[in-house]
Amino acid sequence: MKNIIHMVGVLALLAGSAAGILAGMRVATMDKIEYQQLKFQKEPVVRRIMEGSSLDPMENRFKLDYGDQKLTVFPGVIDGEPVAAFETFGKGYSGDVGVMVGVSLSDGKIIGMGVTTHSETPGIGSKAKESPDFVDRFKGKKLVKAFRVRADGGEVDGISGATITSRGVCMAAGEAGKIYGALGDKLAAAAGDAKENNHE
């Protein structure tokens, strides 16, 4: 009995140590992972959406509270008008599809979108990221709380053979509409501050 108690104690100590090491590694690598995601997944899409912006969206990015999330916002100014982009997610065929959505803060219309992350089928669902033709179909549309592909009775032409991925992108765009509806005033105020600070 004494030996069993000793073994349980040793196992508990080892498990606790392992958990502590893993937690420490997670904290130690968190900033590096966030930087990698920002640099290689988000920045190329943000730059494409914000092409021509007089305000650097990467240098002036900020965070806003949205529920229990910290939403990273990339502000910009295109043709003198304030714009912003932020990332949302929808359910694709093989997992979450991350989508960066850019919106005009003057009229609430989508100025551009781009897929940041996905696990979709190469050559089929992956076209949502590889070919900007699909996400460009959202450009100029009012950012609302729901988008649907034509197969579901909506107005968005989906990717041929990739309806589920197309629905995932629509879901992400709709989520962006919900965020814009909830944070529109805060987005405009914070983007205005970023613009002012950039001129100081």
Foldseek 3Di string as FASTA:
>chain_A
DVVVVVVVVVVVVVVVVVVVVVVVVCVVCVVVVVVCLCPQQPVVFVCVLQPQFPAFQVVLWDWDDDPPDTWIKRWTAHPNFIKIKTWFWFAFPVGIWIKIWMATLVQQATSFMATRDDDDDPPALCCRHVPRPQRCQRGGPHQELFAADVVVVGDGPAGVPGRRSRRTVRNRSNVVRVVCVVCSVVVVVSSVVSVVVVVD
